[in-house]
């Protein structure tokens, strides 16, 4: 029991810093600081790239992407540096998975924005790239395939999230800890898309299209 407690304490800083990194939501920061608006007040009410693009167009979309990817990099880099400092570099992969879970958690429930954020796909996708290239290829491949075939961002996002624990089991580790972390991360993203799932089943989900002023249901 003491060993488990020590292990949890060692990874607590990674969880905290990764959560705080995730809270820096690109869509919210750009819409509020530069556009003097709140992306959550429009369209689907979601603070993600798709809703941002549908309401404001492509002008600042690249900046939103850069911010959400940078925070994922920052979370993983901190995890790796921290583990080296405390002499636990053999747990690098586990540190990446802890960082992924809590960075997505921060993106979805940012403390400085009233716990109303995005759905975690963009930063989650970057975190997968940083974790393992095979896991990333499966997730991004499914996302791209379904998006091209159906033009539903949400469907591709849900499939990508669901693939995370499966790919972890196939390529990385079949131990309960890694599978639990990957399942929680994927499950969080799927939970964020619960309204999209309802619309997909009812046939009312909106497909990806060019920028328009009004928006309904997005995938991120």
C-alpha atoms as a PDB file:
ATOM      1  CA  UNK A   1       0.000   0.000   0.000  1.00  0.00           C
ATOM      2  CA  UNK A   2       2.853   2.358   0.856  1.00  0.00           C
ATOM      3  CA  UNK A   3       4.490   1.656  -2.515  1.00  0.00           C
ATOM      4  CA  UNK A   4       1.242   2.503  -4.310  1.00  0.00           C
ATOM      5  CA  UNK A   5       0.923   5.754  -2.349  1.00  0.00           C
ATOM      6  CA  UNK A   6       4.509   6.719  -3.160  1.00  0.00           C
ATOM      7  CA  UNK A   7       3.848   5.998  -6.819  1.00  0.00           C
ATOM      8  CA  UNK A   8       0.734   8.191  -6.838  1.00  0.00           C
ATOM      9  CA  UNK A   9       2.590  11.025  -5.109  1.00  0.00           C
ATOM     10  CA  UNK A  10       5.391  10.833  -7.670  1.00  0.00           C
ATOM     11  CA  UNK A  11       2.948  11.231 -10.568  1.00  0.00           C
ATOM     12  CA  UNK A  12       0.760  13.890  -8.909  1.00  0.00           C
ATOM     13  CA  UNK A  13       2.895  16.808 -10.242  1.00  0.00           C
ATOM     14  CA  UNK A  14       2.546  15.449 -13.791  1.00  0.00           C
ATOM     15  CA  UNK A  15      -1.211  15.240 -13.382  1.00  0.00           C
ATOM     16  CA  UNK A  16      -1.478  18.770 -11.969  1.00  0.00           C
ATOM     17  CA  UNK A  17       0.777  20.482 -14.519  1.00  0.00           C
ATOM     18  CA  UNK A  18      -0.817  18.586 -17.408  1.00  0.00           C
ATOM     19  CA  UNK A  19      -4.294  19.599 -16.243  1.00  0.00           C
ATOM     20  CA  UNK A  20      -3.244  23.244 -16.043  1.00  0.00           C
ATOM     21  CA  UNK A  21      -1.669  23.036 -19.522  1.00  0.00           C
ATOM     22  CA  UNK A  22      -4.924  21.637 -20.851  1.00  0.00           C
ATOM     23  CA  UNK A  23      -6.873  24.549 -19.391  1.00  0.00           C
ATOM     24  CA  UNK A  24      -5.295  26.936 -21.914  1.00  0.00           C
ATOM     25  CA  UNK A  25      -8.010  26.377 -24.491  1.00  0.00           C
ATOM     26  CA  UNK A  26      -7.033  27.803 -27.876  1.00  0.00           C
ATOM     27  CA  UNK A  27     -10.563  28.506 -29.114  1.00  0.00           C
ATOM     28  CA  UNK A  28     -11.484  30.301 -25.908  1.00  0.00           C
ATOM     29  CA  UNK A  29      -8.266  32.276 -25.667  1.00  0.00           C
ATOM     30  CA  UNK A  30      -8.436  33.530 -29.254  1.00  0.00           C
ATOM     31  CA  UNK A  31     -12.161  34.264 -29.256  1.00  0.00           C
ATOM     32  CA  UNK A  32     -11.961  36.189 -25.981  1.00  0.00           C
ATOM     33  CA  UNK A  33      -8.574  37.908 -26.209  1.00  0.00           C
ATOM     34  CA  UNK A  34      -8.412  38.732 -29.910  1.00  0.00           C
ATOM     35  CA  UNK A  35     -12.017  38.664 -31.140  1.00  0.00           C
ATOM     36  CA  UNK A  36     -13.498  39.970 -27.863  1.00  0.00           C
ATOM     37  CA  UNK A  37     -16.181  37.325 -27.998  1.00  0.00           C
ATOM     38  CA  UNK A  38     -16.848  33.895 -26.507  1.00  0.00           C
ATOM     39  CA  UNK A  39     -17.020  30.991 -28.951  1.00  0.00           C
ATOM     40  CA  UNK A  40     -19.263  29.158 -26.483  1.00  0.00           C
ATOM     41  CA  UNK A  41     -22.000  31.728 -27.076  1.00  0.00           C
ATOM     42  CA  UNK A  42     -22.383  30.631 -30.693  1.00  0.00           C
ATOM     43  CA  UNK A  43     -23.279  27.527 -32.665  1.00  0.00           C
ATOM     44  CA  UNK A  44     -22.934  24.361 -30.651  1.00  0.00           C
ATOM     45  CA  UNK A  45     -21.640  26.196 -27.591  1.00  0.00           C
ATOM     46  CA  UNK A  46     -18.483  24.118 -27.664  1.00  0.00           C
ATOM     47  CA  UNK A  47     -14.998  25.611 -27.239  1.00  0.00           C
ATOM     48  CA  UNK A  48     -13.339  23.584 -29.980  1.00  0.00           C
ATOM     49  CA  UNK A  49     -11.751  24.085 -33.369  1.00  0.00           C
ATOM     50  CA  UNK A  50     -14.773  23.049 -35.450  1.00  0.00           C
ATOM     51  CA  UNK A  51     -17.185  25.432 -33.734  1.00  0.00           C
ATOM     52  CA  UNK A  52     -14.536  28.162 -33.832  1.00  0.00           C
ATOM     53  CA  UNK A  53     -14.031  27.677 -37.573  1.00  0.00           C
ATOM     54  CA  UNK A  54     -17.735  27.603 -38.319  1.00  0.00           C
ATOM     55  CA  UNK A  55     -18.280  30.896 -36.521  1.00  0.00           C
ATOM     56  CA  UNK A  56     -15.104  32.874 -37.210  1.00  0.00           C
ATOM     57  CA  UNK A  57     -13.631  31.274 -40.316  1.00  0.00           C
ATOM     58  CA  UNK A  58     -10.058  30.224 -41.003  1.00  0.00           C
ATOM     59  CA  UNK A  59      -8.249  33.464 -40.167  1.00  0.00           C
ATOM     60  CA  UNK A  60      -7.319  32.464 -36.609  1.00  0.00           C
ATOM     61  CA  UNK A  61      -7.981  28.730 -36.863  1.00  0.00           C
ATOM     62  CA  UNK A  62      -4.286  27.993 -37.353  1.00  0.00           C
ATOM     63  CA  UNK A  63      -3.495  29.810 -34.123  1.00  0.00           C
ATOM     64  CA  UNK A  64      -6.109  27.751 -32.274  1.00  0.00           C
ATOM     65  CA  UNK A  65      -4.497  24.590 -33.631  1.00  0.00           C
ATOM     66  CA  UNK A  66      -1.021  25.773 -32.644  1.00  0.00           C
ATOM     67  CA  UNK A  67      -2.073  26.623 -29.078  1.00  0.00           C
ATOM     68  CA  UNK A  68      -3.882  23.335 -28.491  1.00  0.00           C
ATOM     69  CA  UNK A  69      -0.969  21.336 -29.880  1.00  0.00           C
ATOM     70  CA  UNK A  70       1.627  23.355 -27.966  1.00  0.00           C
ATOM     71  CA  UNK A  71      -0.061  22.704 -24.630  1.00  0.00           C
ATOM     72  CA  UNK A  72       0.015  18.959 -25.357  1.00  0.00           C
ATOM     73  CA  UNK A  73       3.736  19.195 -26.083  1.00  0.00           C
ATOM     74  CA  UNK A  74       4.279  21.218 -22.906  1.00  0.00           C
ATOM     75  CA  UNK A  75       2.478  18.612 -20.778  1.00  0.00           C
ATOM     76  CA  UNK A  76       4.496  15.707 -22.187  1.00  0.00           C
ATOM     77  CA  UNK A  77       7.822  17.559 -22.021  1.00  0.00           C
ATOM     78  CA  UNK A  78       7.198  18.401 -18.379  1.00  0.00           C
ATOM     79  CA  UNK A  79       6.372  14.756 -17.636  1.00  0.00           C
ATOM     80  CA  UNK A  80       9.583  13.505 -19.250  1.00  0.00           C
ATOM     81  CA  UNK A  81      11.822  16.146 -17.649  1.00  0.00           C
ATOM     82  CA  UNK A  82      10.244  15.628 -14.239  1.00  0.00           C
ATOM     83  CA  UNK A  83      10.678  11.850 -14.388  1.00  0.00           C
ATOM     84  CA  UNK A  84      14.339  12.289 -15.261  1.00  0.00           C
ATOM     85  CA  UNK A  85      14.858  14.716 -12.395  1.00  0.00           C
ATOM     86  CA  UNK A  86      13.444  12.258  -9.851  1.00  0.00           C
ATOM     87  CA  UNK A  87      15.293   9.325 -11.416  1.00  0.00           C
ATOM     88  CA  UNK A  88      12.248   7.498 -12.809  1.00  0.00           C
ATOM     89  CA  UNK A  89      12.872   7.790 -16.548  1.00  0.00           C
ATOM     90  CA  UNK A  90      11.973   4.118 -16.976  1.00  0.00           C
ATOM     91  CA  UNK A  91       8.354   5.249 -16.530  1.00  0.00           C
ATOM     92  CA  UNK A  92       8.449   7.686 -19.466  1.00  0.00           C
ATOM     93  CA  UNK A  93       5.580   6.029 -21.346  1.00  0.00           C
ATOM     94  CA  UNK A  94       3.412   5.897 -18.258  1.00  0.00           C
ATOM     95  CA  UNK A  95       4.176   9.567 -17.679  1.00  0.00           C
ATOM     96  CA  UNK A  96       2.999  10.358 -21.208  1.00  0.00           C
ATOM     97  CA  UNK A  97      -0.269   8.516 -20.594  1.00  0.00           C
ATOM     98  CA  UNK A  98      -0.852  10.354 -17.313  1.00  0.00           C
ATOM     99  CA  UNK A  99      -0.095  13.643 -19.075  1.00  0.00           C
ATOM    100  CA  UNK A 100      -2.526  12.753 -21.881  1.00  0.00           C
ATOM    101  CA  UNK A 101      -5.392  11.983 -19.507  1.00  0.00           C
ATOM    102  CA  UNK A 102      -5.050  15.137 -17.438  1.00  0.00           C
ATOM    103  CA  UNK A 103      -4.298  17.455 -20.363  1.00  0.00           C
ATOM    104  CA  UNK A 104      -7.531  16.310 -22.043  1.00  0.00           C
ATOM    105  CA  UNK A 105      -9.329  16.720 -18.716  1.00  0.00           C
ATOM    106  CA  UNK A 106      -8.084  20.309 -18.492  1.00  0.00           C
ATOM    107  CA  UNK A 107      -9.102  21.023 -22.076  1.00  0.00           C
ATOM    108  CA  UNK A 108     -12.608  19.761 -21.467  1.00  0.00           C
ATOM    109  CA  UNK A 109     -13.061  21.232 -17.988  1.00  0.00           C
ATOM    110  CA  UNK A 110     -10.800  24.325 -17.709  1.00  0.00           C
ATOM    111  CA  UNK A 111     -10.869  25.796 -14.211  1.00  0.00           C
ATOM    112  CA  UNK A 112     -10.344  29.385 -15.428  1.00  0.00           C
ATOM    113  CA  UNK A 113     -13.240  29.172 -17.894  1.00  0.00           C
ATOM    114  CA  UNK A 114     -15.956  27.819 -15.640  1.00  0.00           C
ATOM    115  CA  UNK A 115     -15.159  24.184 -16.486  1.00  0.00           C
ATOM    116  CA  UNK A 116     -16.699  24.607 -19.952  1.00  0.00           C
ATOM    117  CA  UNK A 117     -14.148  23.736 -22.609  1.00  0.00           C
ATOM    118  CA  UNK A 118     -13.774  21.675 -25.750  1.00  0.00           C
ATOM    119  CA  UNK A 119     -13.980  17.971 -26.495  1.00  0.00           C
ATOM    120  CA  UNK A 120     -10.292  17.120 -26.470  1.00  0.00           C
ATOM    121  CA  UNK A 121      -9.750  15.826 -29.993  1.00  0.00           C
ATOM    122  CA  UNK A 122      -7.087  18.262 -31.191  1.00  0.00           C
ATOM    123  CA  UNK A 123      -4.881  18.173 -28.100  1.00  0.00           C
ATOM    124  CA  UNK A 124      -5.674  14.464 -27.666  1.00  0.00           C
ATOM    125  CA  UNK A 125      -4.526  13.757 -31.204  1.00  0.00           C
ATOM    126  CA  UNK A 126      -1.254  15.552 -30.572  1.00  0.00           C
ATOM    127  CA  UNK A 127      -0.782  13.649 -27.322  1.00  0.00           C
ATOM    128  CA  UNK A 128      -1.167  10.370 -29.219  1.00  0.00           C
ATOM    129  CA  UNK A 129       1.566  11.420 -31.648  1.00  0.00           C
ATOM    130  CA  UNK A 130       3.840  12.161 -28.708  1.00  0.00           C
ATOM    131  CA  UNK A 131       2.990   8.877 -26.980  1.00  0.00           C
ATOM    132  CA  UNK A 132       3.500   6.297 -29.754  1.00  0.00           C
ATOM    133  CA  UNK A 133       3.483   6.576 -33.543  1.00  0.00           C
ATOM    134  CA  UNK A 134       1.541   3.327 -34.021  1.00  0.00           C
ATOM    135  CA  UNK A 135      -1.267   4.423 -31.728  1.00  0.00           C
ATOM    136  CA  UNK A 136      -1.325   7.792 -33.491  1.00  0.00           C
ATOM    137  CA  UNK A 137      -1.490   6.257 -36.972  1.00  0.00           C
ATOM    138  CA  UNK A 138      -4.491   4.119 -36.033  1.00  0.00           C
ATOM    139  CA  UNK A 139      -6.367   7.004 -34.414  1.00  0.00           C
ATOM    140  CA  UNK A 140      -5.592   9.629 -37.046  1.00  0.00           C
ATOM    141  CA  UNK A 141      -6.170   7.098 -39.824  1.00  0.00           C
ATOM    142  CA  UNK A 142      -9.647   6.284 -38.542  1.00  0.00           C
ATOM    143  CA  UNK A 143     -10.430   9.953 -38.081  1.00  0.00           C
ATOM    144  CA  UNK A 144      -9.329  10.875 -41.606  1.00  0.00           C
ATOM    145  CA  UNK A 145     -11.046   7.882 -43.215  1.00  0.00           C
ATOM    146  CA  UNK A 146     -14.407   8.509 -41.559  1.00  0.00           C
ATOM    147  CA  UNK A 147     -14.226  12.264 -42.086  1.00  0.00           C
ATOM    148  CA  UNK A 148     -13.529  11.833 -45.799  1.00  0.00           C
ATOM    149  CA  UNK A 149     -16.199   9.158 -46.158  1.00  0.00           C
ATOM    150  CA  UNK A 150     -18.980  10.837 -44.161  1.00  0.00           C
ATOM    151  CA  UNK A 151     -17.893  14.462 -43.511  1.00  0.00           C
ATOM    152  CA  UNK A 152     -18.868  13.941 -39.874  1.00  0.00           C
ATOM    153  CA  UNK A 153     -16.078  15.330 -37.672  1.00  0.00           C
ATOM    154  CA  UNK A 154     -17.747  13.848 -34.610  1.00  0.00           C
ATOM    155  CA  UNK A 155     -17.863  10.315 -36.010  1.00  0.00           C
ATOM    156  CA  UNK A 156     -14.166  10.371 -36.831  1.00  0.00           C
ATOM    157  CA  UNK A 157     -13.397  11.823 -33.406  1.00  0.00           C
ATOM    158  CA  UNK A 158     -15.372   9.151 -31.563  1.00  0.00           C
ATOM    159  CA  UNK A 159     -13.732   6.345 -33.543  1.00  0.00           C
ATOM    160  CA  UNK A 160     -10.262   7.799 -32.899  1.00  0.00           C
ATOM    161  CA  UNK A 161     -10.941   8.048 -29.169  1.00  0.00           C
ATOM    162  CA  UNK A 162     -12.302   4.493 -29.014  1.00  0.00           C
ATOM    163  CA  UNK A 163      -9.185   3.185 -30.749  1.00  0.00           C
ATOM    164  CA  UNK A 164      -6.825   4.448 -28.024  1.00  0.00           C
ATOM    165  CA  UNK A 165      -7.234   1.600 -25.488  1.00  0.00           C
ATOM    166  CA  UNK A 166      -7.409  -0.957 -28.293  1.00  0.00           C
ATOM    167  CA  UNK A 167      -4.163   0.257 -29.855  1.00  0.00           C
ATOM    168  CA  UNK A 168      -2.546   0.418 -26.421  1.00  0.00           C
ATOM    169  CA  UNK A 169      -3.450  -3.224 -25.854  1.00  0.00           C
ATOM    170  CA  UNK A 170      -2.219  -4.268 -29.303  1.00  0.00           C
ATOM    171  CA  UNK A 171       1.021  -2.288 -29.522  1.00  0.00           C
ATOM    172  CA  UNK A 172       2.079  -0.943 -26.139  1.00  0.00           C
ATOM    173  CA  UNK A 173       1.110  -2.709 -22.944  1.00  0.00           C
ATOM    174  CA  UNK A 174      -1.564  -5.139 -21.831  1.00  0.00           C
ATOM    175  CA  UNK A 175      -1.201  -4.240 -18.170  1.00  0.00           C
ATOM    176  CA  UNK A 176      -4.215  -2.877 -16.314  1.00  0.00           C
ATOM    177  CA  UNK A 177      -2.686   0.543 -15.541  1.00  0.00           C
ATOM    178  CA  UNK A 178      -1.923   1.585 -19.123  1.00  0.00           C
ATOM    179  CA  UNK A 179      -5.217   0.176 -20.357  1.00  0.00           C
ATOM    180  CA  UNK A 180      -7.103   2.050 -17.641  1.00  0.00           C
ATOM    181  CA  UNK A 181      -5.398   5.360 -18.450  1.00  0.00           C
ATOM    182  CA  UNK A 182      -6.023   4.969 -22.187  1.00  0.00           C
ATOM    183  CA  UNK A 183      -9.633   3.893 -21.622  1.00  0.00           C
ATOM    184  CA  UNK A 184     -10.280   6.878 -19.346  1.00  0.00           C
ATOM    185  CA  UNK A 185      -8.751   9.276 -21.874  1.00  0.00           C
ATOM    186  CA  UNK A 186     -10.728   7.828 -24.767  1.00  0.00           C
ATOM    187  CA  UNK A 187     -13.845   7.611 -22.615  1.00  0.00           C
ATOM    188  CA  UNK A 188     -13.588  11.289 -21.668  1.00  0.00           C
ATOM    189  CA  UNK A 189     -13.512  12.302 -25.316  1.00  0.00           C
ATOM    190  CA  UNK A 190     -16.443  10.043 -26.178  1.00  0.00           C
ATOM    191  CA  UNK A 191     -18.358  11.476 -23.213  1.00  0.00           C
ATOM    192  CA  UNK A 192     -17.701  14.944 -24.607  1.00  0.00           C
ATOM    193  CA  UNK A 193     -19.380  13.822 -27.828  1.00  0.00           C
ATOM    194  CA  UNK A 194     -22.498  12.392 -26.172  1.00  0.00           C
ATOM    195  CA  UNK A 195     -24.778  14.972 -27.820  1.00  0.00           C
ATOM    196  CA  UNK A 196     -23.141  14.292 -31.174  1.00  0.00           C
ATOM    197  CA  UNK A 197     -23.852  10.588 -30.723  1.00  0.00           C
ATOM    198  CA  UNK A 198     -27.540  11.347 -30.181  1.00  0.00           C
ATOM    199  CA  UNK A 199     -27.602  13.490 -33.325  1.00  0.00           C
ATOM    200  CA  UNK A 200     -25.733  10.862 -35.337  1.00  0.00           C
ATOM    201  CA  UNK A 201     -28.270   8.227 -34.331  1.00  0.00           C
ATOM    202  CA  UNK A 202     -31.182  10.525 -35.149  1.00  0.00           C
ATOM    203  CA  UNK A 203     -29.666  11.661 -38.453  1.00  0.00           C
ATOM    204  CA  UNK A 204     -29.531  15.333 -37.439  1.00  0.00           C
ATOM    205  CA  UNK A 205     -25.767  15.707 -36.984  1.00  0.00           C
ATOM    206  CA  UNK A 206     -24.270  18.487 -39.078  1.00  0.00           C
ATOM    207  CA  UNK A 207     -21.557  17.621 -41.600  1.00  0.00           C
ATOM    208  CA  UNK A 208     -18.354  19.573 -41.994  1.00  0.00           C
ATOM    209  CA  UNK A 209     -18.765  22.478 -44.386  1.00  0.00           C
ATOM    210  CA  UNK A 210     -17.218  25.836 -45.108  1.00  0.00           C
ATOM    211  CA  UNK A 211     -17.385  28.662 -42.604  1.00  0.00           C
ATOM    212  CA  UNK A 212     -20.881  29.893 -41.856  1.00  0.00           C
ATOM    213  CA  UNK A 213     -22.080  32.332 -39.251  1.00  0.00           C
ATOM    214  CA  UNK A 214     -24.361  29.925 -37.415  1.00  0.00           C
ATOM    215  CA  UNK A 215     -23.343  26.505 -36.166  1.00  0.00           C
ATOM    216  CA  UNK A 216     -24.794  23.424 -34.646  1.00  0.00           C
ATOM    217  CA  UNK A 217     -23.042  20.339 -33.288  1.00  0.00           C
ATOM    218  CA  UNK A 218     -19.316  20.094 -33.842  1.00  0.00           C
ATOM    219  CA  UNK A 219     -16.856  17.333 -33.247  1.00  0.00           C
ATOM    220  CA  UNK A 220     -14.155  18.931 -31.091  1.00  0.00           C
END
